[in-house]
């Protein structure tokens, strides 16, 4: 690995390196790579697909590298890309290297002493919304992403794609999930506009400024990005945005339920103000996001049962599916976003 990086980065300090895994969830693998005689400030980040069986169209390193590179210089904060390798003989899979951005990564809870005032938490929520609105304002043509996706019919195609994914990974009969898929397909709204979409935008896919909580230092995990309906990003954001008194099966943490964080309605209002979007049919997008989440979890359950998730704890995943489906139904039918 070291000699290859030395050549790719044009720096002999990389002849010998240390490699540390920092994210090994159900998504792409992320490593910190440091020159043997270097300091943490010299480190870079390497991203590659997970090992084992993966979806045919998932974990496309070249696409992730392309969109991050294209957004450099825009108002969307992204790491600077350094190298893309498509030669699978190097690591057994394509990978890319980018700068290491030092920031606060919020997953299960806020670090002690960080954003402990309500106004700072409000700033985090507002900052997340503003960056998403900035992303959706980027002209794909202007940044070289005109052919990055097929925006026409995007929402309907997404319903078909994730329905097909659910059909391929059924763990057991789940009539409510089937009913939600059918109802979504029958009620696809008219797309207002098409933009670059992140595909999995949420708090724990961003790095926050250590000194200024409301400032987003970098948006990460672009593997599901494409051109499509930007309201799908808001819908997905709501899946991971519990409010006070809620215990959502889809939320890995209850950070956004802490005092100060904006409610989902306030998030929607700020996004509408910043983007000019009409959110009158937001309930459909939230319902679809829960359906997509349920299909993803079902896929994880199926791969685990097939022995393709070795070393990864998937206990309790199957039990999360039905409650998530009910949240999707409630959003779609009752407007409970």
C-alpha atoms as a PDB file:
ATOM      1  CA  UNK A   1       0.000   0.000   0.000  1.00  0.00           C
ATOM      2  CA  UNK A   2       2.747   2.461   0.979  1.00  0.00           C
ATOM      3  CA  UNK A   3       4.748   2.350  -2.277  1.00  0.00           C
ATOM      4  CA  UNK A   4       1.556   2.747  -4.303  1.00  0.00           C
ATOM      5  CA  UNK A   5       0.521   5.851  -2.322  1.00  0.00           C
ATOM      6  CA  UNK A   6       4.020   7.294  -2.594  1.00  0.00           C
ATOM      7  CA  UNK A   7       3.732   7.118  -6.370  1.00  0.00           C
ATOM      8  CA  UNK A   8       0.113   8.263  -6.503  1.00  0.00           C
ATOM      9  CA  UNK A   9       0.628  11.242  -4.179  1.00  0.00           C
ATOM     10  CA  UNK A  10       4.134  12.064  -5.429  1.00  0.00           C
ATOM     11  CA  UNK A  11       5.576  11.997  -1.907  1.00  0.00           C
ATOM     12  CA  UNK A  12       8.113   9.458  -0.654  1.00  0.00           C
ATOM     13  CA  UNK A  13       6.944   9.898   2.941  1.00  0.00           C
ATOM     14  CA  UNK A  14       4.151   7.438   2.072  1.00  0.00           C
ATOM     15  CA  UNK A  15       6.502   4.523   1.360  1.00  0.00           C
ATOM     16  CA  UNK A  16       5.624   3.105   4.770  1.00  0.00           C
ATOM     17  CA  UNK A  17       2.226   3.692   6.325  1.00  0.00           C
ATOM     18  CA  UNK A  18      -0.027   2.713   9.191  1.00  0.00           C
ATOM     19  CA  UNK A  19      -3.676   1.979   8.394  1.00  0.00           C
ATOM     20  CA  UNK A  20      -6.488   2.201  10.950  1.00  0.00           C
ATOM     21  CA  UNK A  21     -10.132   1.311  10.315  1.00  0.00           C
ATOM     22  CA  UNK A  22     -12.426   4.032  11.651  1.00  0.00           C
ATOM     23  CA  UNK A  23     -15.821   3.104  10.183  1.00  0.00           C
ATOM     24  CA  UNK A  24     -16.891  -0.462   9.513  1.00  0.00           C
ATOM     25  CA  UNK A  25     -20.667  -0.355   9.509  1.00  0.00           C
ATOM     26  CA  UNK A  26     -22.978  -1.606   6.775  1.00  0.00           C
ATOM     27  CA  UNK A  27     -21.651   0.934   4.294  1.00  0.00           C
ATOM     28  CA  UNK A  28     -18.289   1.689   2.697  1.00  0.00           C
ATOM     29  CA  UNK A  29     -15.162   1.123   4.764  1.00  0.00           C
ATOM     30  CA  UNK A  30     -13.214   4.177   5.897  1.00  0.00           C
ATOM     31  CA  UNK A  31      -9.572   4.123   6.953  1.00  0.00           C
ATOM     32  CA  UNK A  32      -7.095   6.642   8.320  1.00  0.00           C
ATOM     33  CA  UNK A  33      -3.760   6.238   6.546  1.00  0.00           C
ATOM     34  CA  UNK A  34      -0.712   7.897   8.123  1.00  0.00           C
ATOM     35  CA  UNK A  35       2.911   7.938   6.931  1.00  0.00           C
ATOM     36  CA  UNK A  36       5.013   5.873   9.339  1.00  0.00           C
ATOM     37  CA  UNK A  37       7.091   8.839  10.470  1.00  0.00           C
ATOM     38  CA  UNK A  38       4.277  11.367  10.194  1.00  0.00           C
ATOM     39  CA  UNK A  39       1.889  12.969  12.641  1.00  0.00           C
ATOM     40  CA  UNK A  40      -1.918  12.773  12.736  1.00  0.00           C
ATOM     41  CA  UNK A  41      -1.951  16.052  10.816  1.00  0.00           C
ATOM     42  CA  UNK A  42      -0.342  14.227   7.876  1.00  0.00           C
ATOM     43  CA  UNK A  43      -3.038  11.540   7.674  1.00  0.00           C
ATOM     44  CA  UNK A  44      -5.401  11.013   4.759  1.00  0.00           C
ATOM     45  CA  UNK A  45      -8.674   9.117   4.472  1.00  0.00           C
ATOM     46  CA  UNK A  46      -9.128   6.055   2.256  1.00  0.00           C
ATOM     47  CA  UNK A  47     -12.599   4.813   1.240  1.00  0.00           C
ATOM     48  CA  UNK A  48     -13.347   1.425  -0.306  1.00  0.00           C
ATOM     49  CA  UNK A  49     -16.392  -0.845  -0.640  1.00  0.00           C
ATOM     50  CA  UNK A  50     -17.250  -3.296   2.141  1.00  0.00           C
ATOM     51  CA  UNK A  51     -16.100  -6.872   1.900  1.00  0.00           C
ATOM     52  CA  UNK A  52     -18.555  -9.651   1.127  1.00  0.00           C
ATOM     53  CA  UNK A  53     -21.676  -9.504  -1.004  1.00  0.00           C
ATOM     54  CA  UNK A  54     -22.907  -6.028  -1.979  1.00  0.00           C
ATOM     55  CA  UNK A  55     -25.672  -4.703  -4.196  1.00  0.00           C
ATOM     56  CA  UNK A  56     -24.689  -4.512  -7.851  1.00  0.00           C
ATOM     57  CA  UNK A  57     -25.138  -0.729  -8.097  1.00  0.00           C
ATOM     58  CA  UNK A  58     -24.002   0.169  -4.580  1.00  0.00           C
ATOM     59  CA  UNK A  59     -20.655   1.286  -3.199  1.00  0.00           C
ATOM     60  CA  UNK A  60     -19.467   2.883  -6.462  1.00  0.00           C
ATOM     61  CA  UNK A  61     -16.200   4.512  -5.485  1.00  0.00           C
ATOM     62  CA  UNK A  62     -15.779   6.365  -8.769  1.00  0.00           C
ATOM     63  CA  UNK A  63     -19.184   8.041  -8.395  1.00  0.00           C
ATOM     64  CA  UNK A  64     -18.485   9.044  -4.809  1.00  0.00           C
ATOM     65  CA  UNK A  65     -15.078  10.429  -5.795  1.00  0.00           C
ATOM     66  CA  UNK A  66     -16.607  12.258  -8.763  1.00  0.00           C
ATOM     67  CA  UNK A  67     -19.329  14.091  -6.866  1.00  0.00           C
ATOM     68  CA  UNK A  68     -17.005  15.164  -4.026  1.00  0.00           C
ATOM     69  CA  UNK A  69     -14.457  16.428  -6.551  1.00  0.00           C
ATOM     70  CA  UNK A  70     -17.166  18.295  -8.476  1.00  0.00           C
ATOM     71  CA  UNK A  71     -18.474  20.057  -5.364  1.00  0.00           C
ATOM     72  CA  UNK A  72     -15.051  21.423  -4.432  1.00  0.00           C
ATOM     73  CA  UNK A  73     -15.230  25.192  -4.649  1.00  0.00           C
ATOM     74  CA  UNK A  74     -18.997  25.346  -4.118  1.00  0.00           C
ATOM     75  CA  UNK A  75     -20.706  26.394  -0.892  1.00  0.00           C
ATOM     76  CA  UNK A  76     -21.089  22.717   0.028  1.00  0.00           C
ATOM     77  CA  UNK A  77     -18.260  21.702   2.397  1.00  0.00           C
ATOM     78  CA  UNK A  78     -16.558  18.503   1.220  1.00  0.00           C
ATOM     79  CA  UNK A  79     -13.102  17.000   1.743  1.00  0.00           C
ATOM     80  CA  UNK A  80     -10.517  17.595  -0.976  1.00  0.00           C
ATOM     81  CA  UNK A  81     -10.008  14.470  -3.068  1.00  0.00           C
ATOM     82  CA  UNK A  82      -6.423  13.353  -3.709  1.00  0.00           C
ATOM     83  CA  UNK A  83      -6.503  10.160  -5.768  1.00  0.00           C
ATOM     84  CA  UNK A  84      -8.856   7.630  -7.373  1.00  0.00           C
ATOM     85  CA  UNK A  85      -7.738   4.048  -8.005  1.00  0.00           C
ATOM     86  CA  UNK A  86      -9.777   1.725 -10.225  1.00  0.00           C
ATOM     87  CA  UNK A  87      -7.083  -0.982 -10.378  1.00  0.00           C
ATOM     88  CA  UNK A  88      -8.538  -3.728  -8.177  1.00  0.00           C
ATOM     89  CA  UNK A  89      -5.190  -5.511  -7.968  1.00  0.00           C
ATOM     90  CA  UNK A  90      -3.996  -2.877  -5.471  1.00  0.00           C
ATOM     91  CA  UNK A  91      -6.546  -3.471  -2.673  1.00  0.00           C
ATOM     92  CA  UNK A  92      -8.982  -5.938  -4.192  1.00  0.00           C
ATOM     93  CA  UNK A  93     -11.515  -3.204  -4.971  1.00  0.00           C
ATOM     94  CA  UNK A  94     -11.604   0.375  -6.294  1.00  0.00           C
ATOM     95  CA  UNK A  95     -10.811   3.034  -3.706  1.00  0.00           C
ATOM     96  CA  UNK A  96     -10.110   6.714  -3.379  1.00  0.00           C
ATOM     97  CA  UNK A  97      -8.063   8.917  -1.081  1.00  0.00           C
ATOM     98  CA  UNK A  98      -9.092  12.316   0.286  1.00  0.00           C
ATOM     99  CA  UNK A  99      -7.891  14.806   2.839  1.00  0.00           C
ATOM    100  CA  UNK A 100      -8.678  14.197   6.474  1.00  0.00           C
ATOM    101  CA  UNK A 101     -11.048  16.845   7.809  1.00  0.00           C
ATOM    102  CA  UNK A 102     -10.805  17.348  11.564  1.00  0.00           C
ATOM    103  CA  UNK A 103     -14.270  17.800  12.986  1.00  0.00           C
ATOM    104  CA  UNK A 104     -16.809  16.568  15.528  1.00  0.00           C
ATOM    105  CA  UNK A 105     -18.608  13.415  14.419  1.00  0.00           C
ATOM    106  CA  UNK A 106     -21.899  13.091  16.295  1.00  0.00           C
ATOM    107  CA  UNK A 107     -23.315   9.563  16.293  1.00  0.00           C
ATOM    108  CA  UNK A 108     -24.923   8.381  19.521  1.00  0.00           C
ATOM    109  CA  UNK A 109     -24.551  11.531  21.601  1.00  0.00           C
ATOM    110  CA  UNK A 110     -22.934  14.947  21.698  1.00  0.00           C
ATOM    111  CA  UNK A 111     -19.387  14.925  23.114  1.00  0.00           C
ATOM    112  CA  UNK A 112     -19.184  16.162  26.682  1.00  0.00           C
ATOM    113  CA  UNK A 113     -18.959  19.940  26.744  1.00  0.00           C
ATOM    114  CA  UNK A 114     -19.844  20.321  23.058  1.00  0.00           C
ATOM    115  CA  UNK A 115     -22.969  22.263  22.053  1.00  0.00           C
ATOM    116  CA  UNK A 116     -24.314  22.030  25.585  1.00  0.00           C
ATOM    117  CA  UNK A 117     -26.371  25.236  25.193  1.00  0.00           C
ATOM    118  CA  UNK A 118     -29.749  25.191  23.420  1.00  0.00           C
ATOM    119  CA  UNK A 119     -28.750  27.991  21.050  1.00  0.00           C
ATOM    120  CA  UNK A 120     -25.717  25.987  19.922  1.00  0.00           C
ATOM    121  CA  UNK A 121     -27.902  22.954  19.218  1.00  0.00           C
ATOM    122  CA  UNK A 122     -30.298  25.142  17.294  1.00  0.00           C
ATOM    123  CA  UNK A 123     -27.340  26.376  15.247  1.00  0.00           C
ATOM    124  CA  UNK A 124     -26.392  22.767  14.399  1.00  0.00           C
ATOM    125  CA  UNK A 125     -29.891  22.064  13.115  1.00  0.00           C
ATOM    126  CA  UNK A 126     -30.025  25.290  11.132  1.00  0.00           C
ATOM    127  CA  UNK A 127     -26.553  24.659   9.719  1.00  0.00           C
ATOM    128  CA  UNK A 128     -27.553  21.201   8.496  1.00  0.00           C
ATOM    129  CA  UNK A 129     -30.606  22.606   6.735  1.00  0.00           C
ATOM    130  CA  UNK A 130     -28.674  25.464   5.160  1.00  0.00           C
ATOM    131  CA  UNK A 131     -25.974  23.189   3.748  1.00  0.00           C
ATOM    132  CA  UNK A 132     -28.632  20.897   2.274  1.00  0.00           C
ATOM    133  CA  UNK A 133     -30.343  23.885   0.661  1.00  0.00           C
ATOM    134  CA  UNK A 134     -26.951  24.995  -0.686  1.00  0.00           C
ATOM    135  CA  UNK A 135     -26.384  21.534  -2.181  1.00  0.00           C
ATOM    136  CA  UNK A 136     -29.750  21.626  -3.906  1.00  0.00           C
ATOM    137  CA  UNK A 137     -28.913  25.073  -5.310  1.00  0.00           C
ATOM    138  CA  UNK A 138     -25.771  23.825  -7.095  1.00  0.00           C
ATOM    139  CA  UNK A 139     -26.167  23.710 -10.877  1.00  0.00           C
ATOM    140  CA  UNK A 140     -25.143  20.167 -11.942  1.00  0.00           C
ATOM    141  CA  UNK A 141     -24.155  21.391 -15.402  1.00  0.00           C
ATOM    142  CA  UNK A 142     -21.880  24.082 -13.981  1.00  0.00           C
ATOM    143  CA  UNK A 143     -19.917  21.547 -11.906  1.00  0.00           C
ATOM    144  CA  UNK A 144     -19.677  18.863 -14.582  1.00  0.00           C
ATOM    145  CA  UNK A 145     -22.415  16.576 -13.272  1.00  0.00           C
ATOM    146  CA  UNK A 146     -24.992  16.954 -16.039  1.00  0.00           C
ATOM    147  CA  UNK A 147     -24.874  13.187 -16.680  1.00  0.00           C
ATOM    148  CA  UNK A 148     -24.648  12.103 -13.047  1.00  0.00           C
ATOM    149  CA  UNK A 149     -28.143  10.631 -12.987  1.00  0.00           C
ATOM    150  CA  UNK A 150     -31.520  10.366 -14.709  1.00  0.00           C
ATOM    151  CA  UNK A 151     -33.741  12.939 -13.015  1.00  0.00           C
ATOM    152  CA  UNK A 152     -36.797  12.284 -15.180  1.00  0.00           C
ATOM    153  CA  UNK A 153     -39.141   9.937 -13.350  1.00  0.00           C
ATOM    154  CA  UNK A 154     -36.719   9.746 -10.416  1.00  0.00           C
ATOM    155  CA  UNK A 155     -39.252   9.330  -7.583  1.00  0.00           C
ATOM    156  CA  UNK A 156     -41.267   6.615  -9.337  1.00  0.00           C
ATOM    157  CA  UNK A 157     -38.088   4.795 -10.311  1.00  0.00           C
ATOM    158  CA  UNK A 158     -36.868   4.929  -6.712  1.00  0.00           C
ATOM    159  CA  UNK A 159     -40.081   3.289  -5.502  1.00  0.00           C
ATOM    160  CA  UNK A 160     -39.639   0.529  -8.086  1.00  0.00           C
ATOM    161  CA  UNK A 161     -35.969   0.079  -7.223  1.00  0.00           C
ATOM    162  CA  UNK A 162     -36.517  -0.321  -3.496  1.00  0.00           C
ATOM    163  CA  UNK A 163     -39.592  -2.494  -4.020  1.00  0.00           C
ATOM    164  CA  UNK A 164     -37.440  -4.763  -6.168  1.00  0.00           C
ATOM    165  CA  UNK A 165     -34.783  -4.743  -3.456  1.00  0.00           C
ATOM    166  CA  UNK A 166     -37.373  -5.740  -0.836  1.00  0.00           C
ATOM    167  CA  UNK A 167     -38.703  -8.517  -3.094  1.00  0.00           C
ATOM    168  CA  UNK A 168     -35.166  -9.878  -3.481  1.00  0.00           C
ATOM    169  CA  UNK A 169     -34.409  -9.926   0.252  1.00  0.00           C
ATOM    170  CA  UNK A 170     -37.675 -10.928   1.942  1.00  0.00           C
ATOM    171  CA  UNK A 171     -37.016 -12.428   5.352  1.00  0.00           C
ATOM    172  CA  UNK A 172     -40.697 -13.327   5.810  1.00  0.00           C
ATOM    173  CA  UNK A 173     -44.140 -12.137   4.756  1.00  0.00           C
ATOM    174  CA  UNK A 174     -44.645  -8.481   5.665  1.00  0.00           C
ATOM    175  CA  UNK A 175     -48.014  -7.423   4.181  1.00  0.00           C
ATOM    176  CA  UNK A 176     -47.812  -3.913   5.629  1.00  0.00           C
ATOM    177  CA  UNK A 177     -44.526  -3.323   3.846  1.00  0.00           C
ATOM    178  CA  UNK A 178     -46.048  -4.579   0.599  1.00  0.00           C
ATOM    179  CA  UNK A 179     -49.038  -2.295   1.114  1.00  0.00           C
ATOM    180  CA  UNK A 180     -46.805   0.716   1.752  1.00  0.00           C
ATOM    181  CA  UNK A 181     -44.844   0.016  -1.434  1.00  0.00           C
ATOM    182  CA  UNK A 182     -48.045  -0.233  -3.459  1.00  0.00           C
ATOM    183  CA  UNK A 183     -49.525   2.942  -2.007  1.00  0.00           C
ATOM    184  CA  UNK A 184     -46.333   4.905  -2.665  1.00  0.00           C
ATOM    185  CA  UNK A 185     -46.314   3.738  -6.283  1.00  0.00           C
ATOM    186  CA  UNK A 186     -49.916   4.898  -6.707  1.00  0.00           C
ATOM    187  CA  UNK A 187     -49.343   8.373  -5.275  1.00  0.00           C
ATOM    188  CA  UNK A 188     -45.982   9.578  -6.641  1.00  0.00           C
ATOM    189  CA  UNK A 189     -46.057  13.401  -6.635  1.00  0.00           C
ATOM    190  CA  UNK A 190     -44.984  15.593  -9.518  1.00  0.00           C
ATOM    191  CA  UNK A 191     -41.342  16.595  -9.146  1.00  0.00           C
ATOM    192  CA  UNK A 192     -40.912  20.358  -8.767  1.00  0.00           C
ATOM    193  CA  UNK A 193     -37.257  20.406  -9.807  1.00  0.00           C
ATOM    194  CA  UNK A 194     -34.222  18.167 -10.105  1.00  0.00           C
ATOM    195  CA  UNK A 195     -30.919  18.744  -8.326  1.00  0.00           C
ATOM    196  CA  UNK A 196     -27.907  16.930  -6.966  1.00  0.00           C
ATOM    197  CA  UNK A 197     -29.210  14.792  -4.094  1.00  0.00           C
ATOM    198  CA  UNK A 198     -27.052  13.297  -1.359  1.00  0.00           C
ATOM    199  CA  UNK A 199     -29.256  10.256  -0.806  1.00  0.00           C
ATOM    200  CA  UNK A 200     -28.490   9.760   2.895  1.00  0.00           C
ATOM    201  CA  UNK A 201     -28.223  13.230   4.395  1.00  0.00           C
ATOM    202  CA  UNK A 202     -28.230  13.282   8.184  1.00  0.00           C
ATOM    203  CA  UNK A 203     -26.325  14.570  11.197  1.00  0.00           C
ATOM    204  CA  UNK A 204     -23.949  11.615  11.524  1.00  0.00           C
ATOM    205  CA  UNK A 205     -22.922  11.912   7.872  1.00  0.00           C
ATOM    206  CA  UNK A 206     -21.454  15.339   8.587  1.00  0.00           C
ATOM    207  CA  UNK A 207     -18.495  16.699  10.543  1.00  0.00           C
ATOM    208  CA  UNK A 208     -19.109  19.744  12.743  1.00  0.00           C
ATOM    209  CA  UNK A 209     -16.676  22.531  13.525  1.00  0.00           C
ATOM    210  CA  UNK A 210     -15.117  21.895  16.968  1.00  0.00           C
ATOM    211  CA  UNK A 211     -15.215  25.606  17.837  1.00  0.00           C
ATOM    212  CA  UNK A 212     -18.420  26.631  16.056  1.00  0.00           C
ATOM    213  CA  UNK A 213     -21.117  23.933  16.332  1.00  0.00           C
ATOM    214  CA  UNK A 214     -23.387  25.513  13.736  1.00  0.00           C
ATOM    215  CA  UNK A 215     -20.729  25.320  11.035  1.00  0.00           C
ATOM    216  CA  UNK A 216     -20.613  22.126   8.963  1.00  0.00           C
ATOM    217  CA  UNK A 217     -16.982  21.356   8.135  1.00  0.00           C
ATOM    218  CA  UNK A 218     -17.642  18.477   5.750  1.00  0.00           C
ATOM    219  CA  UNK A 219     -20.491  16.397   4.336  1.00  0.00           C
ATOM    220  CA  UNK A 220     -19.474  12.744   4.027  1.00  0.00           C
ATOM    221  CA  UNK A 221     -20.788   9.422   2.632  1.00  0.00           C
ATOM    222  CA  UNK A 222     -21.865  10.352  -0.893  1.00  0.00           C
ATOM    223  CA  UNK A 223     -22.261   6.777  -2.150  1.00  0.00           C
ATOM    224  CA  UNK A 224     -26.013   7.175  -2.831  1.00  0.00           C
ATOM    225  CA  UNK A 225     -25.786  10.591  -4.501  1.00  0.00           C
ATOM    226  CA  UNK A 226     -27.304  11.212  -7.923  1.00  0.00           C
ATOM    227  CA  UNK A 227     -29.504  13.691  -9.786  1.00  0.00           C
ATOM    228  CA  UNK A 228     -33.107  13.600  -8.664  1.00  0.00           C
ATOM    229  CA  UNK A 229     -35.857  15.092  -6.544  1.00  0.00           C
ATOM    230  CA  UNK A 230     -34.297  17.092  -3.676  1.00  0.00           C
ATOM    231  CA  UNK A 231     -37.266  16.492  -1.383  1.00  0.00           C
ATOM    232  CA  UNK A 232     -36.115  12.882  -1.032  1.00  0.00           C
ATOM    233  CA  UNK A 233     -33.187  14.275   0.987  1.00  0.00           C
ATOM    234  CA  UNK A 234     -35.538  16.060   3.383  1.00  0.00           C
ATOM    235  CA  UNK A 235     -37.607  12.905   3.739  1.00  0.00           C
ATOM    236  CA  UNK A 236     -34.543  10.834   4.603  1.00  0.00           C
ATOM    237  CA  UNK A 237     -33.300  13.474   7.024  1.00  0.00           C
ATOM    238  CA  UNK A 238     -36.609  13.179   8.923  1.00  0.00           C
ATOM    239  CA  UNK A 239     -36.178   9.418   9.340  1.00  0.00           C
ATOM    240  CA  UNK A 240     -33.186  10.143  11.577  1.00  0.00           C
ATOM    241  CA  UNK A 241     -34.637  13.213  13.339  1.00  0.00           C
ATOM    242  CA  UNK A 242     -36.486  12.180  16.527  1.00  0.00           C
ATOM    243  CA  UNK A 243     -38.097  14.867  18.644  1.00  0.00           C
ATOM    244  CA  UNK A 244     -38.592  15.095  22.395  1.00  0.00           C
ATOM    245  CA  UNK A 245     -40.606  12.167  23.713  1.00  0.00           C
ATOM    246  CA  UNK A 246     -40.045   9.957  20.663  1.00  0.00           C
ATOM    247  CA  UNK A 247     -38.237   6.641  20.444  1.00  0.00           C
ATOM    248  CA  UNK A 248     -37.961   5.978  16.716  1.00  0.00           C
ATOM    249  CA  UNK A 249     -36.933   2.530  15.503  1.00  0.00           C
ATOM    250  CA  UNK A 250     -35.085   4.225  12.637  1.00  0.00           C
ATOM    251  CA  UNK A 251     -32.977   6.571  14.753  1.00  0.00           C
ATOM    252  CA  UNK A 252     -29.597   5.407  16.013  1.00  0.00           C
ATOM    253  CA  UNK A 253     -29.590   8.182  18.596  1.00  0.00           C
ATOM    254  CA  UNK A 254     -31.843  10.743  20.183  1.00  0.00           C
ATOM    255  CA  UNK A 255     -29.493  13.692  19.765  1.00  0.00           C
ATOM    256  CA  UNK A 256     -32.013  15.835  17.870  1.00  0.00           C
ATOM    257  CA  UNK A 257     -34.533  15.367  20.706  1.00  0.00           C
ATOM    258  CA  UNK A 258     -32.292  17.404  23.028  1.00  0.00           C
ATOM    259  CA  UNK A 259     -33.474  20.893  24.013  1.00  0.00           C
ATOM    260  CA  UNK A 260     -32.566  23.470  21.394  1.00  0.00           C
ATOM    261  CA  UNK A 261     -32.660  21.341  18.267  1.00  0.00           C
ATOM    262  CA  UNK A 262     -35.370  22.458  15.835  1.00  0.00           C
ATOM    263  CA  UNK A 263     -38.416  20.257  15.399  1.00  0.00           C
ATOM    264  CA  UNK A 264     -39.025  18.532  12.060  1.00  0.00           C
ATOM    265  CA  UNK A 265     -41.646  21.166  11.244  1.00  0.00           C
ATOM    266  CA  UNK A 266     -39.118  23.912  11.934  1.00  0.00           C
ATOM    267  CA  UNK A 267     -36.568  22.090   9.752  1.00  0.00           C
ATOM    268  CA  UNK A 268     -39.104  21.961   6.940  1.00  0.00           C
ATOM    269  CA  UNK A 269     -39.979  25.641   7.348  1.00  0.00           C
ATOM    270  CA  UNK A 270     -36.337  26.710   7.233  1.00  0.00           C
ATOM    271  CA  UNK A 271     -35.643  24.563   4.186  1.00  0.00           C
ATOM    272  CA  UNK A 272     -38.685  25.978   2.384  1.00  0.00           C
ATOM    273  CA  UNK A 273     -37.565  29.500   3.196  1.00  0.00           C
ATOM    274  CA  UNK A 274     -34.007  28.869   2.016  1.00  0.00           C
ATOM    275  CA  UNK A 275     -34.899  26.901  -1.118  1.00  0.00           C
ATOM    276  CA  UNK A 276     -38.282  28.247  -2.170  1.00  0.00           C
ATOM    277  CA  UNK A 277     -39.584  24.660  -2.362  1.00  0.00           C
ATOM    278  CA  UNK A 278     -43.260  23.806  -1.956  1.00  0.00           C
ATOM    279  CA  UNK A 279     -43.459  21.217   0.827  1.00  0.00           C
ATOM    280  CA  UNK A 280     -47.195  20.559   0.619  1.00  0.00           C
ATOM    281  CA  UNK A 281     -46.519  16.925  -0.376  1.00  0.00           C
ATOM    282  CA  UNK A 282     -43.658  16.345   2.042  1.00  0.00           C
ATOM    283  CA  UNK A 283     -45.618  13.524   3.687  1.00  0.00           C
ATOM    284  CA  UNK A 284     -45.094  11.362   0.567  1.00  0.00           C
ATOM    285  CA  UNK A 285     -41.339  11.872   0.700  1.00  0.00           C
ATOM    286  CA  UNK A 286     -41.208  11.021   4.398  1.00  0.00           C
ATOM    287  CA  UNK A 287     -43.311   7.916   3.777  1.00  0.00           C
ATOM    288  CA  UNK A 288     -40.998   6.886   0.966  1.00  0.00           C
ATOM    289  CA  UNK A 289     -37.922   7.468   3.139  1.00  0.00           C
ATOM    290  CA  UNK A 290     -39.241   5.090   5.817  1.00  0.00           C
ATOM    291  CA  UNK A 291     -40.043   2.531   3.111  1.00  0.00           C
ATOM    292  CA  UNK A 292     -36.507   2.835   1.727  1.00  0.00           C
ATOM    293  CA  UNK A 293     -35.071   2.494   5.230  1.00  0.00           C
ATOM    294  CA  UNK A 294     -37.157  -0.642   5.838  1.00  0.00           C
ATOM    295  CA  UNK A 295     -35.945  -2.156   2.550  1.00  0.00           C
ATOM    296  CA  UNK A 296     -32.334  -1.396   3.454  1.00  0.00           C
ATOM    297  CA  UNK A 297     -32.718  -3.034   6.869  1.00  0.00           C
ATOM    298  CA  UNK A 298     -34.393  -6.054   5.259  1.00  0.00           C
ATOM    299  CA  UNK A 299     -31.404  -6.356   2.940  1.00  0.00           C
ATOM    300  CA  UNK A 300     -29.032  -6.315   5.907  1.00  0.00           C
ATOM    301  CA  UNK A 301     -31.113  -9.000   7.627  1.00  0.00           C
ATOM    302  CA  UNK A 302     -31.045 -11.174   4.494  1.00  0.00           C
ATOM    303  CA  UNK A 303     -27.301 -10.787   3.995  1.00  0.00           C
ATOM    304  CA  UNK A 304     -26.737 -11.604   7.658  1.00  0.00           C
ATOM    305  CA  UNK A 305     -28.826 -14.767   7.366  1.00  0.00           C
ATOM    306  CA  UNK A 306     -26.765 -15.756   4.318  1.00  0.00           C
ATOM    307  CA  UNK A 307     -23.532 -15.327   6.292  1.00  0.00           C
ATOM    308  CA  UNK A 308     -22.409 -12.290   4.303  1.00  0.00           C
ATOM    309  CA  UNK A 309     -22.172  -9.945   7.308  1.00  0.00           C
ATOM    310  CA  UNK A 310     -19.489 -11.744   9.301  1.00  0.00           C
ATOM    311  CA  UNK A 311     -18.198  -9.731  12.226  1.00  0.00           C
ATOM    312  CA  UNK A 312     -21.060  -7.216  12.107  1.00  0.00           C
ATOM    313  CA  UNK A 313     -23.712  -7.122  14.804  1.00  0.00           C
ATOM    314  CA  UNK A 314     -27.144  -7.233  13.176  1.00  0.00           C
ATOM    315  CA  UNK A 315     -29.083  -8.468  16.182  1.00  0.00           C
ATOM    316  CA  UNK A 316     -32.438  -6.768  16.530  1.00  0.00           C
ATOM    317  CA  UNK A 317     -32.504  -5.517  12.948  1.00  0.00           C
ATOM    318  CA  UNK A 318     -35.456  -7.675  11.858  1.00  0.00           C
ATOM    319  CA  UNK A 319     -37.531  -6.344  14.753  1.00  0.00           C
ATOM    320  CA  UNK A 320     -37.024  -2.763  13.552  1.00  0.00           C
ATOM    321  CA  UNK A 321     -38.706  -3.288  10.180  1.00  0.00           C
ATOM    322  CA  UNK A 322     -42.405  -3.349  11.123  1.00  0.00           C
ATOM    323  CA  UNK A 323     -42.257  -0.248  13.393  1.00  0.00           C
ATOM    324  CA  UNK A 324     -40.474   1.637  10.601  1.00  0.00           C
ATOM    325  CA  UNK A 325     -43.140   0.570   8.108  1.00  0.00           C
ATOM    326  CA  UNK A 326     -45.822   1.905  10.456  1.00  0.00           C
ATOM    327  CA  UNK A 327     -44.008   5.256  10.626  1.00  0.00           C
ATOM    328  CA  UNK A 328     -44.020   5.308   6.834  1.00  0.00           C
ATOM    329  CA  UNK A 329     -47.730   4.525   6.681  1.00  0.00           C
ATOM    330  CA  UNK A 330     -48.505   7.204   9.263  1.00  0.00           C
ATOM    331  CA  UNK A 331     -46.537   9.786   7.284  1.00  0.00           C
ATOM    332  CA  UNK A 332     -48.132   8.883   3.976  1.00  0.00           C
ATOM    333  CA  UNK A 333     -51.719   8.391   5.092  1.00  0.00           C
ATOM    334  CA  UNK A 334     -52.027  10.569   8.202  1.00  0.00           C
ATOM    335  CA  UNK A 335     -49.498  13.286   7.399  1.00  0.00           C
ATOM    336  CA  UNK A 336     -47.555  12.416  10.561  1.00  0.00           C
ATOM    337  CA  UNK A 337     -44.147  13.693   9.556  1.00  0.00           C
END
